[in-house]
Amino acid sequence: MSRAYGSISNKGKIKSNRLTDMVKSIPQTLPIENGMKIVDISQLHIGENPGMMASLKIVHNLEKPQDVPVSFLVVDFKHNFCVMSIYHVSADLKEKIRSGSEILIKNPQLVLIQLKFKGYQYNYQCLKVTDVNNFLVFFFS
């Protein structure tokens, strides 16, 4: 939890020029009309966001091998960071999701995490993916 908070606070320790290059390839539109609106993290409200599709890039993995859910630091095309937690993910898919992967989350659920730990208050946003059918990863070699 403190690692997730720290990663968001320091933007994954990515320098601004590298971050600008990194987010250039994140899709901002879809080539098909499917009734979904591509959005950045700031356009989401707490809870479920039907009819929307969050377009993001994986910055790095935040999990420990035994952790459930699998968690990642992600960034959108407007340089907004948050944590993404994926539940019920297969070991095969888990191995394929890596830094630099571009992802789309259909009907994203945004959760505000608020924890007090060892005298510190941690508040951060988390995209919760409970159905992997709403999750699309673009694999690049």
N, C-alpha and C. Protein backbone atom coordinates (compact mmCIF):
# COMPACT_ATOMS: atom_id res chain seq x y z
N MET A 1 0.81 -1.19 0.00
CA MET A 1 0.00 0.00 0.00
C MET A 1 0.86 1.26 0.00
N SER A 2 1.89 1.31 0.83
CA SER A 2 2.74 2.50 0.81
C SER A 2 3.54 2.56 -0.49
N ARG A 3 3.87 1.39 -1.06
CA ARG A 3 4.56 1.36 -2.36
C ARG A 3 3.65 1.93 -3.46
N ALA A 4 2.37 1.56 -3.42
CA ALA A 4 1.41 2.08 -4.40
C ALA A 4 1.29 3.59 -4.27
N TYR A 5 1.11 4.07 -3.04
CA TYR A 5 0.98 5.50 -2.79
C TYR A 5 2.23 6.24 -3.25
N GLY A 6 3.40 5.71 -2.89
CA GLY A 6 4.67 6.34 -3.26
C GLY A 6 4.87 6.38 -4.77
N SER A 7 4.49 5.30 -5.44
CA SER A 7 4.64 5.25 -6.90
C SER A 7 3.77 6.29 -7.59
N ILE A 8 2.57 6.50 -7.08
CA ILE A 8 1.69 7.52 -7.66
C ILE A 8 2.25 8.91 -7.35
N SER A 9 2.66 9.12 -6.10
CA SER A 9 3.16 10.43 -5.69
C SER A 9 4.38 10.87 -6.48
N ASN A 10 5.30 9.94 -6.76
CA ASN A 10 6.51 10.33 -7.48
C ASN A 10 6.45 9.95 -8.97
N LYS A 11 5.22 9.66 -9.45
CA LYS A 11 4.97 9.36 -10.87
C LYS A 11 5.90 8.29 -11.41
N GLY A 12 6.09 7.24 -10.59
CA GLY A 12 6.90 6.11 -11.01
C GLY A 12 8.37 6.45 -11.24
N LYS A 13 8.80 7.59 -10.72
CA LYS A 13 10.18 8.08 -10.89
C LYS A 13 10.55 8.22 -12.37
N ILE A 14 9.58 8.60 -13.18
CA ILE A 14 9.81 8.78 -14.61
C ILE A 14 10.06 10.25 -14.89
N LYS A 15 11.12 10.55 -15.61
CA LYS A 15 11.44 11.94 -15.98
C LYS A 15 10.41 12.42 -16.99
N SER A 16 10.15 13.74 -17.00
CA SER A 16 9.06 14.29 -17.80
C SER A 16 9.20 14.03 -19.30
N ASN A 17 10.42 14.10 -19.85
CA ASN A 17 10.59 13.82 -21.28
C ASN A 17 10.25 12.37 -21.60
N ARG A 18 10.70 11.46 -20.76
CA ARG A 18 10.39 10.04 -20.98
C ARG A 18 8.89 9.79 -20.83
N LEU A 19 8.26 10.43 -19.85
CA LEU A 19 6.83 10.28 -19.65
C LEU A 19 6.06 10.78 -20.86
N THR A 20 6.45 11.93 -21.41
CA THR A 20 5.80 12.47 -22.60
C THR A 20 5.90 11.48 -23.76
N ASP A 21 7.08 10.91 -23.97
CA ASP A 21 7.25 9.90 -25.03
C ASP A 21 6.42 8.66 -24.75
N MET A 22 6.37 8.26 -23.49
CA MET A 22 5.67 7.05 -23.10
C MET A 22 4.17 7.13 -23.38
N VAL A 23 3.55 8.27 -23.09
CA VAL A 23 2.09 8.37 -23.21
C VAL A 23 1.62 8.68 -24.63
N LYS A 24 2.55 9.03 -25.55
CA LYS A 24 2.16 9.36 -26.93
C LYS A 24 1.38 8.25 -27.62
N SER A 25 1.73 7.00 -27.32
CA SER A 25 1.12 5.88 -28.03
C SER A 25 -0.19 5.39 -27.41
N ILE A 26 -0.59 5.94 -26.27
CA ILE A 26 -1.83 5.50 -25.62
C ILE A 26 -3.02 5.92 -26.48
N PRO A 27 -3.88 4.98 -26.86
CA PRO A 27 -5.03 5.32 -27.71
C PRO A 27 -5.96 6.35 -27.07
N GLN A 28 -6.36 7.35 -27.86
CA GLN A 28 -7.31 8.36 -27.38
C GLN A 28 -8.65 8.24 -28.11
N THR A 29 -8.68 7.42 -29.16
CA THR A 29 -9.91 7.14 -29.90
C THR A 29 -9.89 5.68 -30.30
N LEU A 30 -11.05 5.18 -30.67
CA LEU A 30 -11.17 3.82 -31.20
C LEU A 30 -11.53 3.88 -32.67
N PRO A 31 -10.98 2.99 -33.48
CA PRO A 31 -11.27 3.02 -34.91
C PRO A 31 -12.66 2.47 -35.24
N ILE A 32 -13.38 1.98 -34.25
CA ILE A 32 -14.72 1.45 -34.48
C ILE A 32 -15.74 2.19 -33.62
N GLU A 33 -16.95 2.22 -34.07
CA GLU A 33 -18.03 2.83 -33.28
C GLU A 33 -18.69 1.73 -32.45
N ASN A 34 -18.41 1.72 -31.17
CA ASN A 34 -18.99 0.70 -30.31
C ASN A 34 -19.79 1.30 -29.15
N GLY A 35 -20.03 2.59 -29.20
CA GLY A 35 -20.81 3.24 -28.15
C GLY A 35 -20.01 3.56 -26.89
N MET A 36 -18.73 3.20 -26.88
CA MET A 36 -17.89 3.46 -25.71
C MET A 36 -17.12 4.76 -25.92
N LYS A 37 -16.93 5.49 -24.84
CA LYS A 37 -16.17 6.75 -24.89
C LYS A 37 -14.81 6.51 -24.24
N ILE A 38 -13.73 6.79 -24.98
CA ILE A 38 -12.37 6.68 -24.43
C ILE A 38 -12.16 7.85 -23.46
N VAL A 39 -11.71 7.54 -22.24
CA VAL A 39 -11.53 8.58 -21.22
C VAL A 39 -10.17 8.43 -20.54
N ASP A 40 -9.75 9.53 -19.90
CA ASP A 40 -8.58 9.48 -19.04
C ASP A 40 -9.07 9.34 -17.60
N ILE A 41 -8.16 9.10 -16.69
CA ILE A 41 -8.51 8.84 -15.29
C ILE A 41 -9.30 9.99 -14.68
N SER A 42 -8.96 11.24 -15.02
CA SER A 42 -9.63 12.40 -14.41
C SER A 42 -11.11 12.50 -14.80
N GLN A 43 -11.52 11.82 -15.86
CA GLN A 43 -12.91 11.87 -16.31
C GLN A 43 -13.77 10.82 -15.62
N LEU A 44 -13.18 9.95 -14.83
CA LEU A 44 -13.92 8.90 -14.14
C LEU A 44 -14.42 9.41 -12.79
N HIS A 45 -15.57 8.89 -12.37
CA HIS A 45 -16.06 9.20 -11.03
C HIS A 45 -15.94 7.94 -10.18
N ILE A 46 -15.98 8.10 -8.87
CA ILE A 46 -15.87 6.97 -7.96
C ILE A 46 -17.04 6.02 -8.22
N GLY A 47 -16.74 4.74 -8.30
CA GLY A 47 -17.73 3.71 -8.61
C GLY A 47 -17.60 3.26 -10.06
N GLU A 48 -18.64 2.61 -10.56
CA GLU A 48 -18.61 2.11 -11.93
C GLU A 48 -18.87 3.24 -12.92
N ASN A 49 -18.28 3.12 -14.09
CA ASN A 49 -18.38 4.13 -15.14
C ASN A 49 -18.84 3.46 -16.44
N PRO A 50 -20.15 3.14 -16.53
CA PRO A 50 -20.66 2.45 -17.72
C PRO A 50 -20.55 3.33 -18.97
N GLY A 51 -20.30 2.67 -20.11
CA GLY A 51 -20.20 3.39 -21.38
C GLY A 51 -18.86 4.06 -21.60
N MET A 52 -17.93 3.87 -20.66
CA MET A 52 -16.60 4.47 -20.78
C MET A 52 -15.55 3.39 -20.91
N MET A 53 -14.42 3.78 -21.48
CA MET A 53 -13.29 2.88 -21.62
C MET A 53 -12.03 3.66 -21.25
N ALA A 54 -11.37 3.25 -20.15
CA ALA A 54 -10.13 3.90 -19.72
C ALA A 54 -8.99 3.38 -20.59
N SER A 55 -8.22 4.30 -21.13
CA SER A 55 -7.09 3.97 -22.00
C SER A 55 -5.81 4.31 -21.24
N LEU A 56 -4.97 3.29 -21.01
CA LEU A 56 -3.83 3.43 -20.10
C LEU A 56 -2.59 2.71 -20.60
N LYS A 57 -1.49 2.94 -19.91
CA LYS A 57 -0.25 2.21 -20.17
C LYS A 57 0.29 1.72 -18.84
N ILE A 58 0.79 0.48 -18.81
CA ILE A 58 1.41 -0.08 -17.62
C ILE A 58 2.77 0.57 -17.42
N VAL A 59 3.01 1.15 -16.23
CA VAL A 59 4.31 1.72 -15.91
C VAL A 59 5.18 0.63 -15.30
N HIS A 60 4.68 0.00 -14.24
CA HIS A 60 5.38 -1.15 -13.67
C HIS A 60 4.46 -1.93 -12.74
N ASN A 61 4.91 -3.12 -12.41
CA ASN A 61 4.20 -4.04 -11.55
C ASN A 61 4.39 -3.62 -10.10
N LEU A 62 3.32 -3.65 -9.29
CA LEU A 62 3.40 -3.27 -7.88
C LEU A 62 3.27 -4.47 -6.95
N GLU A 63 3.06 -5.63 -7.49
CA GLU A 63 2.72 -6.78 -6.66
C GLU A 63 3.92 -7.57 -6.19
N LYS A 64 3.65 -8.35 -5.19
CA LYS A 64 4.56 -9.39 -4.75
C LYS A 64 4.01 -10.68 -5.36
N PRO A 65 4.84 -11.68 -5.61
CA PRO A 65 4.39 -12.88 -6.33
C PRO A 65 3.12 -13.53 -5.78
N GLN A 66 2.89 -13.49 -4.48
CA GLN A 66 1.73 -14.16 -3.91
C GLN A 66 0.50 -13.25 -3.79
N ASP A 67 0.61 -12.00 -4.19
CA ASP A 67 -0.49 -11.05 -4.02
C ASP A 67 -1.68 -11.35 -4.92
N VAL A 68 -2.86 -11.20 -4.35
CA VAL A 68 -4.12 -11.19 -5.08
C VAL A 68 -4.84 -9.97 -4.56
N PRO A 69 -5.26 -9.08 -5.36
CA PRO A 69 -5.19 -9.06 -6.81
C PRO A 69 -3.78 -8.69 -7.32
N VAL A 70 -3.62 -8.79 -8.63
CA VAL A 70 -2.38 -8.35 -9.28
C VAL A 70 -2.50 -6.83 -9.43
N SER A 71 -1.48 -6.10 -9.05
CA SER A 71 -1.55 -4.63 -9.08
C SER A 71 -0.42 -4.02 -9.91
N PHE A 72 -0.78 -2.92 -10.60
CA PHE A 72 0.16 -2.22 -11.46
C PHE A 72 0.00 -0.72 -11.28
N LEU A 73 1.09 0.01 -11.49
CA LEU A 73 1.02 1.46 -11.62
C LEU A 73 0.72 1.73 -13.09
N VAL A 74 -0.29 2.55 -13.37
CA VAL A 74 -0.67 2.87 -14.74
C VAL A 74 -0.71 4.38 -14.93
N VAL A 75 -0.61 4.81 -16.19
CA VAL A 75 -0.67 6.22 -16.54
C VAL A 75 -1.59 6.36 -17.75
N ASP A 76 -2.29 7.50 -17.84
CA ASP A 76 -3.15 7.74 -19.01
C ASP A 76 -2.49 8.75 -19.93
N PHE A 77 -3.17 9.09 -21.03
CA PHE A 77 -2.60 9.98 -22.03
C PHE A 77 -2.50 11.43 -21.57
N LYS A 78 -3.07 11.77 -20.40
CA LYS A 78 -2.94 13.12 -19.85
C LYS A 78 -1.99 13.16 -18.66
N HIS A 79 -1.18 12.11 -18.50
CA HIS A 79 -0.16 12.01 -17.46
C HIS A 79 -0.74 11.80 -16.07
N ASN A 80 -1.95 11.30 -15.94
CA ASN A 80 -2.54 10.98 -14.64
C ASN A 80 -2.14 9.56 -14.26
N PHE A 81 -1.73 9.37 -13.02
CA PHE A 81 -1.32 8.06 -12.53
C PHE A 81 -2.35 7.50 -11.56
N CYS A 82 -2.46 6.18 -11.51
CA CYS A 82 -3.23 5.51 -10.47
C CYS A 82 -2.80 4.05 -10.42
N VAL A 83 -3.33 3.33 -9.46
CA VAL A 83 -3.08 1.89 -9.34
C VAL A 83 -4.21 1.17 -10.06
N MET A 84 -3.89 0.05 -10.69
CA MET A 84 -4.90 -0.82 -11.28
C MET A 84 -4.75 -2.18 -10.62
N SER A 85 -5.85 -2.72 -10.09
CA SER A 85 -5.84 -4.04 -9.47
C SER A 85 -6.74 -4.96 -10.29
N ILE A 86 -6.19 -6.11 -10.68
CA ILE A 86 -6.93 -7.08 -11.50
C ILE A 86 -7.16 -8.33 -10.67
N TYR A 87 -8.43 -8.73 -10.56
CA TYR A 87 -8.81 -9.93 -9.83
C TYR A 87 -9.05 -11.07 -10.82
N HIS A 88 -8.89 -12.29 -10.35
CA HIS A 88 -9.20 -13.50 -11.13
C HIS A 88 -8.39 -13.58 -12.43
N VAL A 89 -7.14 -13.18 -12.39
CA VAL A 89 -6.30 -13.21 -13.58
C VAL A 89 -5.54 -14.53 -13.64
N SER A 90 -5.47 -15.12 -14.81
CA SER A 90 -4.76 -16.38 -14.98
C SER A 90 -3.25 -16.12 -14.91
N ALA A 91 -2.51 -17.16 -14.57
CA ALA A 91 -1.05 -17.05 -14.51
C ALA A 91 -0.49 -16.70 -15.88
N ASP A 92 -1.10 -17.22 -16.95
CA ASP A 92 -0.65 -16.95 -18.31
C ASP A 92 -0.79 -15.46 -18.65
N LEU A 93 -1.95 -14.89 -18.36
CA LEU A 93 -2.16 -13.47 -18.63
C LEU A 93 -1.27 -12.61 -17.74
N LYS A 94 -1.14 -13.00 -16.49
CA LYS A 94 -0.30 -12.26 -15.54
C LYS A 94 1.14 -12.13 -16.06
N GLU A 95 1.65 -13.20 -16.66
CA GLU A 95 3.01 -13.19 -17.20
C GLU A 95 3.14 -12.28 -18.43
N LYS A 96 2.06 -12.08 -19.17
CA LYS A 96 2.11 -11.30 -20.40
C LYS A 96 1.97 -9.80 -20.18
N ILE A 97 1.39 -9.40 -19.06
CA ILE A 97 1.22 -7.97 -18.78
C ILE A 97 2.54 -7.44 -18.24
N ARG A 98 3.13 -6.49 -18.97
CA ARG A 98 4.43 -5.97 -18.54
C ARG A 98 4.50 -4.46 -18.76
N SER A 99 5.53 -3.87 -18.24
CA SER A 99 5.75 -2.43 -18.42
C SER A 99 5.70 -2.09 -19.90
N GLY A 100 4.98 -1.02 -20.22
CA GLY A 100 4.86 -0.58 -21.60
C GLY A 100 3.64 -1.11 -22.32
N SER A 101 2.96 -2.12 -21.75
CA SER A 101 1.74 -2.64 -22.37
C SER A 101 0.65 -1.58 -22.33
N GLU A 102 -0.05 -1.42 -23.44
CA GLU A 102 -1.18 -0.50 -23.48
C GLU A 102 -2.44 -1.31 -23.20
N ILE A 103 -3.35 -0.71 -22.42
CA ILE A 103 -4.55 -1.44 -22.00
C ILE A 103 -5.79 -0.57 -22.15
N LEU A 104 -6.90 -1.24 -22.32
CA LEU A 104 -8.23 -0.61 -22.30
C LEU A 104 -9.05 -1.33 -21.25
N ILE A 105 -9.76 -0.58 -20.43
CA ILE A 105 -10.65 -1.15 -19.42
C ILE A 105 -12.06 -0.67 -19.71
N LYS A 106 -12.93 -1.61 -20.06
CA LYS A 106 -14.32 -1.31 -20.37
C LYS A 106 -15.11 -1.16 -19.06
N ASN A 107 -15.95 -0.14 -18.98
CA ASN A 107 -16.77 0.14 -17.80
C ASN A 107 -15.92 0.13 -16.51
N PRO A 108 -14.89 0.96 -16.46
CA PRO A 108 -13.96 0.90 -15.32
C PRO A 108 -14.62 1.28 -14.00
N GLN A 109 -14.15 0.62 -12.96
CA GLN A 109 -14.62 0.92 -11.60
C GLN A 109 -13.49 1.61 -10.86
N LEU A 110 -13.73 2.86 -10.45
CA LEU A 110 -12.72 3.64 -9.73
C LEU A 110 -13.03 3.60 -8.23
N VAL A 111 -12.02 3.26 -7.46
CA VAL A 111 -12.16 3.15 -6.00
C VAL A 111 -11.15 4.09 -5.37
N LEU A 112 -11.55 4.80 -4.33
CA LEU A 112 -10.64 5.63 -3.56
C LEU A 112 -10.16 4.82 -2.37
N ILE A 113 -8.87 4.55 -2.32
CA ILE A 113 -8.28 3.79 -1.22
C ILE A 113 -7.85 4.80 -0.15
N GLN A 114 -8.33 4.59 1.08
CA GLN A 114 -7.98 5.45 2.21
C GLN A 114 -7.59 4.54 3.37
N LEU A 115 -6.31 4.59 3.72
CA LEU A 115 -5.79 3.73 4.78
C LEU A 115 -4.92 4.52 5.74
N LYS A 116 -4.96 4.11 6.97
CA LYS A 116 -4.04 4.67 7.97
C LYS A 116 -3.14 3.52 8.38
N PHE A 117 -1.82 3.72 8.23
CA PHE A 117 -0.87 2.66 8.50
C PHE A 117 0.36 3.26 9.16
N LYS A 118 0.71 2.73 10.32
CA LYS A 118 1.88 3.20 11.08
C LYS A 118 1.89 4.72 11.25
N GLY A 119 0.72 5.28 11.56
CA GLY A 119 0.60 6.70 11.81
C GLY A 119 0.50 7.59 10.58
N TYR A 120 0.54 7.00 9.39
CA TYR A 120 0.44 7.77 8.15
C TYR A 120 -0.89 7.51 7.46
N GLN A 121 -1.42 8.53 6.84
CA GLN A 121 -2.65 8.42 6.07
C GLN A 121 -2.29 8.28 4.59
N TYR A 122 -2.82 7.25 3.93
CA TYR A 122 -2.58 7.01 2.51
C TYR A 122 -3.90 7.11 1.77
N ASN A 123 -3.96 7.98 0.77
CA ASN A 123 -5.15 8.12 -0.08
C ASN A 123 -4.70 8.05 -1.54
N TYR A 124 -5.29 7.16 -2.30
CA TYR A 124 -4.98 7.09 -3.73
C TYR A 124 -6.11 6.42 -4.48
N GLN A 125 -6.14 6.66 -5.79
CA GLN A 125 -7.17 6.08 -6.64
C GLN A 125 -6.71 4.74 -7.18
N CYS A 126 -7.67 3.83 -7.31
CA CYS A 126 -7.39 2.50 -7.83
C CYS A 126 -8.48 2.10 -8.81
N LEU A 127 -8.08 1.62 -9.98
CA LEU A 127 -9.01 1.05 -10.94
C LEU A 127 -9.12 -0.43 -10.63
N LYS A 128 -10.32 -0.86 -10.31
CA LYS A 128 -10.57 -2.24 -9.89
C LYS A 128 -11.15 -3.01 -11.07
N VAL A 129 -10.45 -4.07 -11.51
CA VAL A 129 -10.92 -4.90 -12.61
C VAL A 129 -11.30 -6.26 -12.04
N THR A 130 -12.60 -6.53 -11.94
CA THR A 130 -13.06 -7.81 -11.38
C THR A 130 -13.45 -8.80 -12.46
N ASP A 131 -13.64 -8.33 -13.68
CA ASP A 131 -13.99 -9.21 -14.80
C ASP A 131 -12.95 -9.01 -15.90
N VAL A 132 -12.10 -10.02 -16.11
CA VAL A 132 -11.04 -9.88 -17.12
C VAL A 132 -11.59 -9.75 -18.53
N ASN A 133 -12.88 -10.03 -18.73
CA ASN A 133 -13.49 -9.82 -20.05
C ASN A 133 -13.64 -8.33 -20.37
N ASN A 134 -13.50 -7.46 -19.37
CA ASN A 134 -13.56 -6.01 -19.57
C ASN A 134 -12.18 -5.40 -19.70
N PHE A 135 -11.18 -6.23 -19.90
CA PHE A 135 -9.79 -5.82 -19.88
C PHE A 135 -9.12 -6.28 -21.17
N LEU A 136 -8.53 -5.34 -21.90
CA LEU A 136 -7.85 -5.66 -23.15
C LEU A 136 -6.41 -5.16 -23.07
N VAL A 137 -5.47 -6.06 -23.37
CA VAL A 137 -4.05 -5.71 -23.33
C VAL A 137 -3.51 -5.79 -24.75
N PHE A 138 -2.76 -4.78 -25.16
CA PHE A 138 -2.07 -4.80 -26.43
C PHE A 138 -0.65 -5.28 -26.16
N PHE A 139 -0.32 -6.44 -26.72
CA PHE A 139 1.00 -7.03 -26.49
C PHE A 139 1.95 -6.57 -27.58
N PHE A 140 3.09 -6.07 -27.17
CA PHE A 140 4.13 -5.66 -28.11
C PHE A 140 5.40 -6.42 -27.75
N SER A 141 6.13 -6.87 -28.77
CA SER A 141 7.36 -7.58 -28.46
C SER A 141 8.55 -6.67 -28.52
